[in-house]
Amino acid sequence: MEAFHGTTILSVRRMTAQGIQVAIGGDGQVTLGNIVVKATARKVRRMHDGKVIAGFAGSAADGVALFERLEGKLKAANGNLTR
């Protein structure tokens, strides 16, 4: 059995007159070998009341598990990412 794979996530951060602006996006495609299994996967999510944006590329199952784990850590640390 072949493994599921996620693909590209791109993030851009820049300083503007309004402050720091961030853009993040992903292609939303999950493949199994060379077959597209899902073309509309959600690889970019807002977390912690919309204050954190996260995305994953790589193994789709691992990415979903890491999203859940990061959300738990954010709640435990009250959103403090520098801890």
PDB file of N, CA and C in Angstrom:
ATOM      1  N   MET A   1       0.844  -1.189   0.000  1.00  0.00           N
ATOM      2  CA  MET A   1       0.000   0.000   0.000  1.00  0.00           C
ATOM      3  C   MET A   1       0.881   1.241   0.000  1.00  0.00           C
ATOM      4  N   GLU A   2       0.548   2.184  -0.852  1.00  0.00           N
ATOM      5  CA  GLU A   2       1.314   3.420  -0.937  1.00  0.00           C
ATOM      6  C   GLU A   2       0.865   4.396   0.144  1.00  0.00           C
ATOM      7  N   ALA A   3       1.747   5.316   0.496  1.00  0.00           N
ATOM      8  CA  ALA A   3       1.443   6.308   1.537  1.00  0.00           C
ATOM      9  C   ALA A   3       0.740   7.522   0.933  1.00  0.00           C
ATOM     10  N   PHE A   4      -0.117   8.155   1.737  1.00  0.00           N
ATOM     11  CA  PHE A   4      -0.732   9.417   1.340  1.00  0.00           C
ATOM     12  C   PHE A   4       0.302  10.519   1.478  1.00  0.00           C
ATOM     13  N   HIS A   5       0.247  11.516   0.606  1.00  0.00           N
ATOM     14  CA  HIS A   5       1.170  12.640   0.669  1.00  0.00           C
ATOM     15  C   HIS A   5       0.406  13.945   0.526  1.00  0.00           C
ATOM     16  N   GLY A   6       0.830  14.948   1.287  1.00  0.00           N
ATOM     17  CA  GLY A   6       0.339  16.314   1.076  1.00  0.00           C
ATOM     18  C   GLY A   6       1.343  17.006   0.176  1.00  0.00           C
ATOM     19  N   THR A   7       1.049  18.229  -0.209  1.00  0.00           N
ATOM     20  CA  THR A   7       1.986  18.940  -1.086  1.00  0.00           C
ATOM     21  C   THR A   7       2.272  20.331  -0.547  1.00  0.00           C
ATOM     22  N   THR A   8       2.474  21.294  -1.382  1.00  0.00           N
ATOM     23  CA  THR A   8       3.071  22.574  -1.048  1.00  0.00           C
ATOM     24  C   THR A   8       2.222  23.501  -0.191  1.00  0.00           C
ATOM     25  N   ILE A   9       2.875  24.160   0.770  1.00  0.00           N
ATOM     26  CA  ILE A   9       2.319  25.279   1.542  1.00  0.00           C
ATOM     27  C   ILE A   9       3.286  26.442   1.333  1.00  0.00           C
ATOM     28  N   LEU A  10       2.742  27.619   1.065  1.00  0.00           N
ATOM     29  CA  LEU A  10       3.564  28.804   0.842  1.00  0.00           C
ATOM     30  C   LEU A  10       3.142  29.884   1.821  1.00  0.00           C
ATOM     31  N   SER A  11       4.114  30.548   2.438  1.00  0.00           N
ATOM     32  CA  SER A  11       3.834  31.637   3.373  1.00  0.00           C
ATOM     33  C   SER A  11       4.709  32.838   3.032  1.00  0.00           C
ATOM     34  N   VAL A  12       4.099  34.019   3.105  1.00  0.00           N
ATOM     35  CA  VAL A  12       4.824  35.266   2.861  1.00  0.00           C
ATOM     36  C   VAL A  12       4.496  36.221   4.001  1.00  0.00           C
ATOM     37  N   ARG A  13       5.511  36.822   4.582  1.00  0.00           N
ATOM     38  CA  ARG A  13       5.317  37.810   5.647  1.00  0.00           C
ATOM     39  C   ARG A  13       6.087  39.055   5.277  1.00  0.00           C
ATOM     40  N   ARG A  14       5.416  40.218   5.418  1.00  0.00           N
ATOM     41  CA  ARG A  14       6.104  41.470   5.093  1.00  0.00           C
ATOM     42  C   ARG A  14       5.628  42.588   6.005  1.00  0.00           C
ATOM     43  N   MET A  15       6.490  43.575   6.172  1.00  0.00           N
ATOM     44  CA  MET A  15       6.169  44.752   6.973  1.00  0.00           C
ATOM     45  C   MET A  15       5.578  45.800   6.049  1.00  0.00           C
ATOM     46  N   THR A  16       4.424  46.330   6.420  1.00  0.00           N
ATOM     47  CA  THR A  16       3.778  47.386   5.639  1.00  0.00           C
ATOM     48  C   THR A  16       3.522  48.569   6.568  1.00  0.00           C
ATOM     49  N   ALA A  17       2.967  49.624   6.036  1.00  0.00           N
ATOM     50  CA  ALA A  17       2.626  50.792   6.857  1.00  0.00           C
ATOM     51  C   ALA A  17       1.592  50.435   7.923  1.00  0.00           C
ATOM     52  N   GLN A  18       0.768  49.426   7.659  1.00  0.00           N
ATOM     53  CA  GLN A  18      -0.248  48.984   8.622  1.00  0.00           C
ATOM     54  C   GLN A  18       0.298  47.981   9.639  1.00  0.00           C
ATOM     55  N   GLY A  19       1.525  47.536   9.487  1.00  0.00           N
ATOM     56  CA  GLY A  19       2.124  46.551  10.381  1.00  0.00           C
ATOM     57  C   GLY A  19       2.517  45.308   9.595  1.00  0.00           C
ATOM     58  N   ILE A  20       2.744  44.221  10.300  1.00  0.00           N
ATOM     59  CA  ILE A  20       3.138  42.965   9.659  1.00  0.00           C
ATOM     60  C   ILE A  20       1.915  42.323   9.029  1.00  0.00           C
ATOM     61  N   GLN A  21       2.041  41.928   7.765  1.00  0.00           N
ATOM     62  CA  GLN A  21       0.976  41.213   7.072  1.00  0.00           C
ATOM     63  C   GLN A  21       1.491  39.845   6.672  1.00  0.00           C
ATOM     64  N   VAL A  22       0.630  38.839   6.818  1.00  0.00           N
ATOM     65  CA  VAL A  22       1.002  37.462   6.501  1.00  0.00           C
ATOM     66  C   VAL A  22      -0.018  36.876   5.540  1.00  0.00           C
ATOM     67  N   ALA A  23       0.478  36.174   4.530  1.00  0.00           N
ATOM     68  CA  ALA A  23      -0.379  35.420   3.621  1.00  0.00           C
ATOM     69  C   ALA A  23       0.131  33.990   3.598  1.00  0.00           C
ATOM     70  N   ILE A  24      -0.786  33.033   3.667  1.00  0.00           N
ATOM     71  CA  ILE A  24      -0.402  31.622   3.632  1.00  0.00           C
ATOM     72  C   ILE A  24      -1.428  30.881   2.787  1.00  0.00           C
ATOM     73  N   GLY A  25      -0.953  29.953   1.975  1.00  0.00           N
ATOM     74  CA  GLY A  25      -1.865  29.210   1.111  1.00  0.00           C
ATOM     75  C   GLY A  25      -1.316  27.838   0.779  1.00  0.00           C
ATOM     76  N   GLY A  26      -2.202  26.970   0.363  1.00  0.00           N
ATOM     77  CA  GLY A  26      -1.829  25.619  -0.027  1.00  0.00           C
ATOM     78  C   GLY A  26      -2.680  25.173  -1.199  1.00  0.00           C
ATOM     79  N   ASP A  27      -2.244  24.136  -1.877  1.00  0.00           N
ATOM     80  CA  ASP A  27      -2.959  23.692  -3.064  1.00  0.00           C
ATOM     81  C   ASP A  27      -4.161  22.811  -2.751  1.00  0.00           C
ATOM     82  N   GLY A  28      -4.244  22.226  -1.568  1.00  0.00           N
ATOM     83  CA  GLY A  28      -5.417  21.442  -1.188  1.00  0.00           C
ATOM     84  C   GLY A  28      -5.509  20.086  -1.849  1.00  0.00           C
ATOM     85  N   GLN A  29      -4.430  19.604  -2.420  1.00  0.00           N
ATOM     86  CA  GLN A  29      -4.467  18.316  -3.119  1.00  0.00           C
ATOM     87  C   GLN A  29      -3.757  17.244  -2.313  1.00  0.00           C
ATOM     88  N   VAL A  30      -4.410  16.086  -2.133  1.00  0.00           N
ATOM     89  CA  VAL A  30      -3.807  14.931  -1.468  1.00  0.00           C
ATOM     90  C   VAL A  30      -3.723  13.818  -2.500  1.00  0.00           C
ATOM     91  N   THR A  31      -2.542  13.203  -2.611  1.00  0.00           N
ATOM     92  CA  THR A  31      -2.355  12.154  -3.610  1.00  0.00           C
ATOM     93  C   THR A  31      -1.986  10.836  -2.958  1.00  0.00           C
ATOM     94  N   LEU A  32      -2.290   9.764  -3.661  1.00  0.00           N
ATOM     95  CA  LEU A  32      -1.860   8.417  -3.282  1.00  0.00           C
ATOM     96  C   LEU A  32      -1.091   7.904  -4.482  1.00  0.00           C
ATOM     97  N   GLY A  33       0.246   7.927  -4.381  1.00  0.00           N
ATOM     98  CA  GLY A  33       1.071   7.634  -5.549  1.00  0.00           C
ATOM     99  C   GLY A  33       0.893   8.758  -6.554  1.00  0.00           C
ATOM    100  N   ASN A  34       0.419   8.420  -7.756  1.00  0.00           N
ATOM    101  CA  ASN A  34       0.181   9.445  -8.763  1.00  0.00           C
ATOM    102  C   ASN A  34      -1.314   9.687  -9.003  1.00  0.00           C
ATOM    103  N   ILE A  35      -2.157   9.245  -8.066  1.00  0.00           N
ATOM    104  CA  ILE A  35      -3.603   9.434  -8.167  1.00  0.00           C
ATOM    105  C   ILE A  35      -4.040  10.503  -7.172  1.00  0.00           C
ATOM    106  N   VAL A  36      -4.808  11.484  -7.634  1.00  0.00           N
ATOM    107  CA  VAL A  36      -5.348  12.516  -6.750  1.00  0.00           C
ATOM    108  C   VAL A  36      -6.523  11.909  -5.986  1.00  0.00           C
ATOM    109  N   VAL A  37      -6.388  11.798  -4.670  1.00  0.00           N
ATOM    110  CA  VAL A  37      -7.429  11.213  -3.831  1.00  0.00           C
ATOM    111  C   VAL A  37      -8.428  12.284  -3.409  1.00  0.00           C
ATOM    112  N   LYS A  38      -7.919  13.452  -3.053  1.00  0.00           N
ATOM    113  CA  LYS A  38      -8.783  14.548  -2.630  1.00  0.00           C
ATOM    114  C   LYS A  38      -8.193  15.851  -3.161  1.00  0.00           C
ATOM    115  N   ALA A  39      -9.003  16.609  -3.883  1.00  0.00           N
ATOM    116  CA  ALA A  39      -8.510  17.848  -4.484  1.00  0.00           C
ATOM    117  C   ALA A  39      -8.869  19.071  -3.659  1.00  0.00           C
ATOM    118  N   THR A  40      -9.612  18.886  -2.559  1.00  0.00           N
ATOM    119  CA  THR A  40     -10.068  20.041  -1.775  1.00  0.00           C
ATOM    120  C   THR A  40      -9.738  19.900  -0.292  1.00  0.00           C
ATOM    121  N   ALA A  41      -8.599  19.320   0.028  1.00  0.00           N
ATOM    122  CA  ALA A  41      -8.192  19.164   1.427  1.00  0.00           C
ATOM    123  C   ALA A  41      -7.905  20.526   2.048  1.00  0.00           C
ATOM    124  N   ARG A  42      -8.187  20.660   3.339  1.00  0.00           N
ATOM    125  CA  ARG A  42      -7.913  21.907   4.061  1.00  0.00           C
ATOM    126  C   ARG A  42      -6.555  21.802   4.742  1.00  0.00           C
ATOM    127  N   LYS A  43      -5.534  22.347   4.126  1.00  0.00           N
ATOM    128  CA  LYS A  43      -4.183  22.260   4.657  1.00  0.00           C
ATOM    129  C   LYS A  43      -3.774  23.504   5.422  1.00  0.00           C
ATOM    130  N   VAL A  44      -4.568  24.545   5.360  1.00  0.00           N
ATOM    131  CA  VAL A  44      -4.293  25.783   6.083  1.00  0.00           C
ATOM    132  C   VAL A  44      -5.480  26.049   6.990  1.00  0.00           C
ATOM    133  N   ARG A  45      -5.206  26.312   8.267  1.00  0.00           N
ATOM    134  CA  ARG A  45      -6.278  26.545   9.235  1.00  0.00           C
ATOM    135  C   ARG A  45      -5.958  27.707  10.147  1.00  0.00           C
ATOM    136  N   ARG A  46      -7.022  28.363  10.621  1.00  0.00           N
ATOM    137  CA  ARG A  46      -6.900  29.374  11.669  1.00  0.00           C
ATOM    138  C   ARG A  46      -7.104  28.662  12.999  1.00  0.00           C
ATOM    139  N   MET A  47      -6.292  29.015  13.994  1.00  0.00           N
ATOM    140  CA  MET A  47      -6.374  28.411  15.319  1.00  0.00           C
ATOM    141  C   MET A  47      -6.376  29.496  16.377  1.00  0.00           C
ATOM    142  N   HIS A  48      -6.682  29.118  17.577  1.00  0.00           N
ATOM    143  CA  HIS A  48      -6.644  29.998  18.747  1.00  0.00           C
ATOM    144  C   HIS A  48      -7.407  31.295  18.468  1.00  0.00           C
ATOM    145  N   ASP A  49      -8.702  31.138  18.223  1.00  0.00           N
ATOM    146  CA  ASP A  49      -9.605  32.273  17.957  1.00  0.00           C
ATOM    147  C   ASP A  49      -9.146  33.129  16.780  1.00  0.00           C
ATOM    148  N   GLY A  50      -8.557  32.510  15.761  1.00  0.00           N
ATOM    149  CA  GLY A  50      -8.145  33.227  14.560  1.00  0.00           C
ATOM    150  C   GLY A  50      -6.840  33.978  14.679  1.00  0.00           C
ATOM    151  N   LYS A  51      -6.132  33.834  15.799  1.00  0.00           N
ATOM    152  CA  LYS A  51      -4.881  34.568  16.002  1.00  0.00           C
ATOM    153  C   LYS A  51      -3.664  33.849  15.428  1.00  0.00           C
ATOM    154  N   VAL A  52      -3.808  32.549  15.131  1.00  0.00           N
ATOM    155  CA  VAL A  52      -2.700  31.738  14.624  1.00  0.00           C
ATOM    156  C   VAL A  52      -3.138  31.105  13.310  1.00  0.00           C
ATOM    157  N   ILE A  53      -2.276  31.165  12.307  1.00  0.00           N
ATOM    158  CA  ILE A  53      -2.522  30.512  11.027  1.00  0.00           C
ATOM    159  C   ILE A  53      -1.472  29.416  10.884  1.00  0.00           C
ATOM    160  N   ALA A  54      -1.912  28.193  10.572  1.00  0.00           N
ATOM    161  CA  ALA A  54      -0.984  27.075  10.424  1.00  0.00           C
ATOM    162  C   ALA A  54      -1.308  26.309   9.152  1.00  0.00           C
ATOM    163  N   GLY A  55      -0.277  25.734   8.540  1.00  0.00           N
ATOM    164  CA  GLY A  55      -0.463  24.930   7.347  1.00  0.00           C
ATOM    165  C   GLY A  55       0.457  23.728   7.391  1.00  0.00           C
ATOM    166  N   PHE A  56       0.098  22.657   6.673  1.00  0.00           N
ATOM    167  CA  PHE A  56       0.966  21.489   6.641  1.00  0.00           C
ATOM    168  C   PHE A  56       1.149  21.004   5.221  1.00  0.00           C
ATOM    169  N   ALA A  57       2.315  20.451   4.978  1.00  0.00           N
ATOM    170  CA  ALA A  57       2.620  19.759   3.729  1.00  0.00           C
ATOM    171  C   ALA A  57       3.373  18.504   4.138  1.00  0.00           C
ATOM    172  N   GLY A  58       3.104  17.425   3.484  1.00  0.00           N
ATOM    173  CA  GLY A  58       3.708  16.154   3.847  1.00  0.00           C
ATOM    174  C   GLY A  58       2.616  15.132   4.046  1.00  0.00           C
ATOM    175  N   SER A  59       2.847  14.174   4.894  1.00  0.00           N
ATOM    176  CA  SER A  59       1.858  13.133   5.126  1.00  0.00           C
ATOM    177  C   SER A  59       0.567  13.737   5.654  1.00  0.00           C
ATOM    178  N   ALA A  60      -0.523  13.520   4.969  1.00  0.00           N
ATOM    179  CA  ALA A  60      -1.807  14.138   5.315  1.00  0.00           C
ATOM    180  C   ALA A  60      -2.280  13.728   6.711  1.00  0.00           C
ATOM    181  N   ALA A  61      -2.159  12.477   7.045  1.00  0.00           N
ATOM    182  CA  ALA A  61      -2.602  12.018   8.365  1.00  0.00           C
ATOM    183  C   ALA A  61      -1.758  12.649   9.466  1.00  0.00           C
ATOM    184  N   ASP A  62      -0.456  12.745   9.260  1.00  0.00           N
ATOM    185  CA  ASP A  62       0.422  13.381  10.241  1.00  0.00           C
ATOM    186  C   ASP A  62       0.079  14.851  10.403  1.00  0.00           C
ATOM    187  N   GLY A  63      -0.235  15.527   9.303  1.00  0.00           N
ATOM    188  CA  GLY A  63      -0.582  16.941   9.362  1.00  0.00           C
ATOM    189  C   GLY A  63      -1.818  17.197  10.189  1.00  0.00           C
ATOM    190  N   VAL A  64      -2.838  16.381  10.027  1.00  0.00           N
ATOM    191  CA  VAL A  64      -4.076  16.541  10.801  1.00  0.00           C
ATOM    192  C   VAL A  64      -3.790  16.307  12.277  1.00  0.00           C
ATOM    193  N   ALA A  65      -3.010  15.278  12.590  1.00  0.00           N
ATOM    194  CA  ALA A  65      -2.660  14.995  13.982  1.00  0.00           C
ATOM    195  C   ALA A  65      -1.855  16.151  14.583  1.00  0.00           C
ATOM    196  N   LEU A  66      -0.950  16.729  13.810  1.00  0.00           N
ATOM    197  CA  LEU A  66      -0.141  17.843  14.309  1.00  0.00           C
ATOM    198  C   LEU A  66      -0.985  19.096  14.527  1.00  0.00           C
ATOM    199  N   PHE A  67      -1.990  19.342  13.666  1.00  0.00           N
ATOM    200  CA  PHE A  67      -2.908  20.458  13.878  1.00  0.00           C
ATOM    201  C   PHE A  67      -3.586  20.325  15.241  1.00  0.00           C
ATOM    202  N   GLU A  68      -4.096  19.126  15.534  1.00  0.00           N
ATOM    203  CA  GLU A  68      -4.790  18.898  16.800  1.00  0.00           C
ATOM    204  C   GLU A  68      -3.844  19.077  17.981  1.00  0.00           C
ATOM    205  N   ARG A  69      -2.631  18.579  17.840  1.00  0.00           N
ATOM    206  CA  ARG A  69      -1.653  18.704  18.921  1.00  0.00           C
ATOM    207  C   ARG A  69      -1.257  20.162  19.154  1.00  0.00           C
ATOM    208  N   LEU A  70      -1.046  20.925  18.068  1.00  0.00           N
ATOM    209  CA  LEU A  70      -0.696  22.338  18.176  1.00  0.00           C
ATOM    210  C   LEU A  70      -1.834  23.117  18.828  1.00  0.00           C
ATOM    211  N   GLU A  71      -3.068  22.827  18.450  1.00  0.00           N
ATOM    212  CA  GLU A  71      -4.220  23.500  19.049  1.00  0.00           C
ATOM    213  C   GLU A  71      -4.258  23.252  20.561  1.00  0.00           C
ATOM    214  N   GLY A  72      -3.985  22.024  20.979  1.00  0.00           N
ATOM    215  CA  GLY A  72      -3.930  21.702  22.406  1.00  0.00           C
ATOM    216  C   GLY A  72      -2.834  22.473  23.124  1.00  0.00           C
ATOM    217  N   LYS A  73      -1.666  22.561  22.510  1.00  0.00           N
ATOM    218  CA  LYS A  73      -0.543  23.302  23.107  1.00  0.00           C
ATOM    219  C   LYS A  73      -0.862  24.793  23.199  1.00  0.00           C
ATOM    220  N   LEU A  74      -1.510  25.341  22.167  1.00  0.00           N
ATOM    221  CA  LEU A  74      -1.891  26.760  22.193  1.00  0.00           C
ATOM    222  C   LEU A  74      -2.861  27.042  23.338  1.00  0.00           C
ATOM    223  N   LYS A  75      -3.835  26.160  23.531  1.00  0.00           N
ATOM    224  CA  LYS A  75      -4.790  26.348  24.623  1.00  0.00           C
ATOM    225  C   LYS A  75      -4.096  26.248  25.978  1.00  0.00           C
ATOM    226  N   ALA A  76      -3.198  25.284  26.125  1.00  0.00           N
ATOM    227  CA  ALA A  76      -2.497  25.098  27.397  1.00  0.00           C
ATOM    228  C   ALA A  76      -1.600  26.283  27.721  1.00  0.00           C
ATOM    229  N   ALA A  77      -1.015  26.919  26.701  1.00  0.00           N
ATOM    230  CA  ALA A  77      -0.099  28.035  26.904  1.00  0.00           C
ATOM    231  C   ALA A  77      -0.803  29.380  26.740  1.00  0.00           C
ATOM    232  N   ASN A  78      -2.115  29.353  26.637  1.00  0.00           N
ATOM    233  CA  ASN A  78      -2.920  30.567  26.462  1.00  0.00           C
ATOM    234  C   ASN A  78      -2.457  31.394  25.263  1.00  0.00           C
ATOM    235  N   GLY A  79      -2.078  30.694  24.178  1.00  0.00           N
ATOM    236  CA  GLY A  79      -1.685  31.365  22.951  1.00  0.00           C
ATOM    237  C   GLY A  79      -0.266  31.877  22.912  1.00  0.00           C
ATOM    238  N   ASN A  80       0.524  31.616  23.947  1.00  0.00           N
ATOM    239  CA  ASN A  80       1.901  32.101  24.009  1.00  0.00           C
ATOM    240  C   ASN A  80       2.806  31.169  23.187  1.00  0.00           C
ATOM    241  N   LEU A  81       3.173  31.599  21.982  1.00  0.00           N
ATOM    242  CA  LEU A  81       3.990  30.775  21.101  1.00  0.00           C
ATOM    243  C   LEU A  81       5.480  30.885  21.398  1.00  0.00           C
ATOM    244  N   THR A  82       5.896  31.832  22.225  1.00  0.00           N
ATOM    245  CA  THR A  82       7.323  32.004  22.492  1.00  0.00           C
ATOM    246  C   THR A  82       7.788  31.163  23.660  1.00  0.00           C
ATOM    247  N   ARG A  83       6.891  30.465  24.285  1.00  0.00           N
ATOM    248  CA  ARG A  83       7.243  29.651  25.446  1.00  0.00           C
ATOM    249  C   ARG A  83       8.030  28.436  25.088  1.00  0.00           C
TER     250      ARG A  83
END
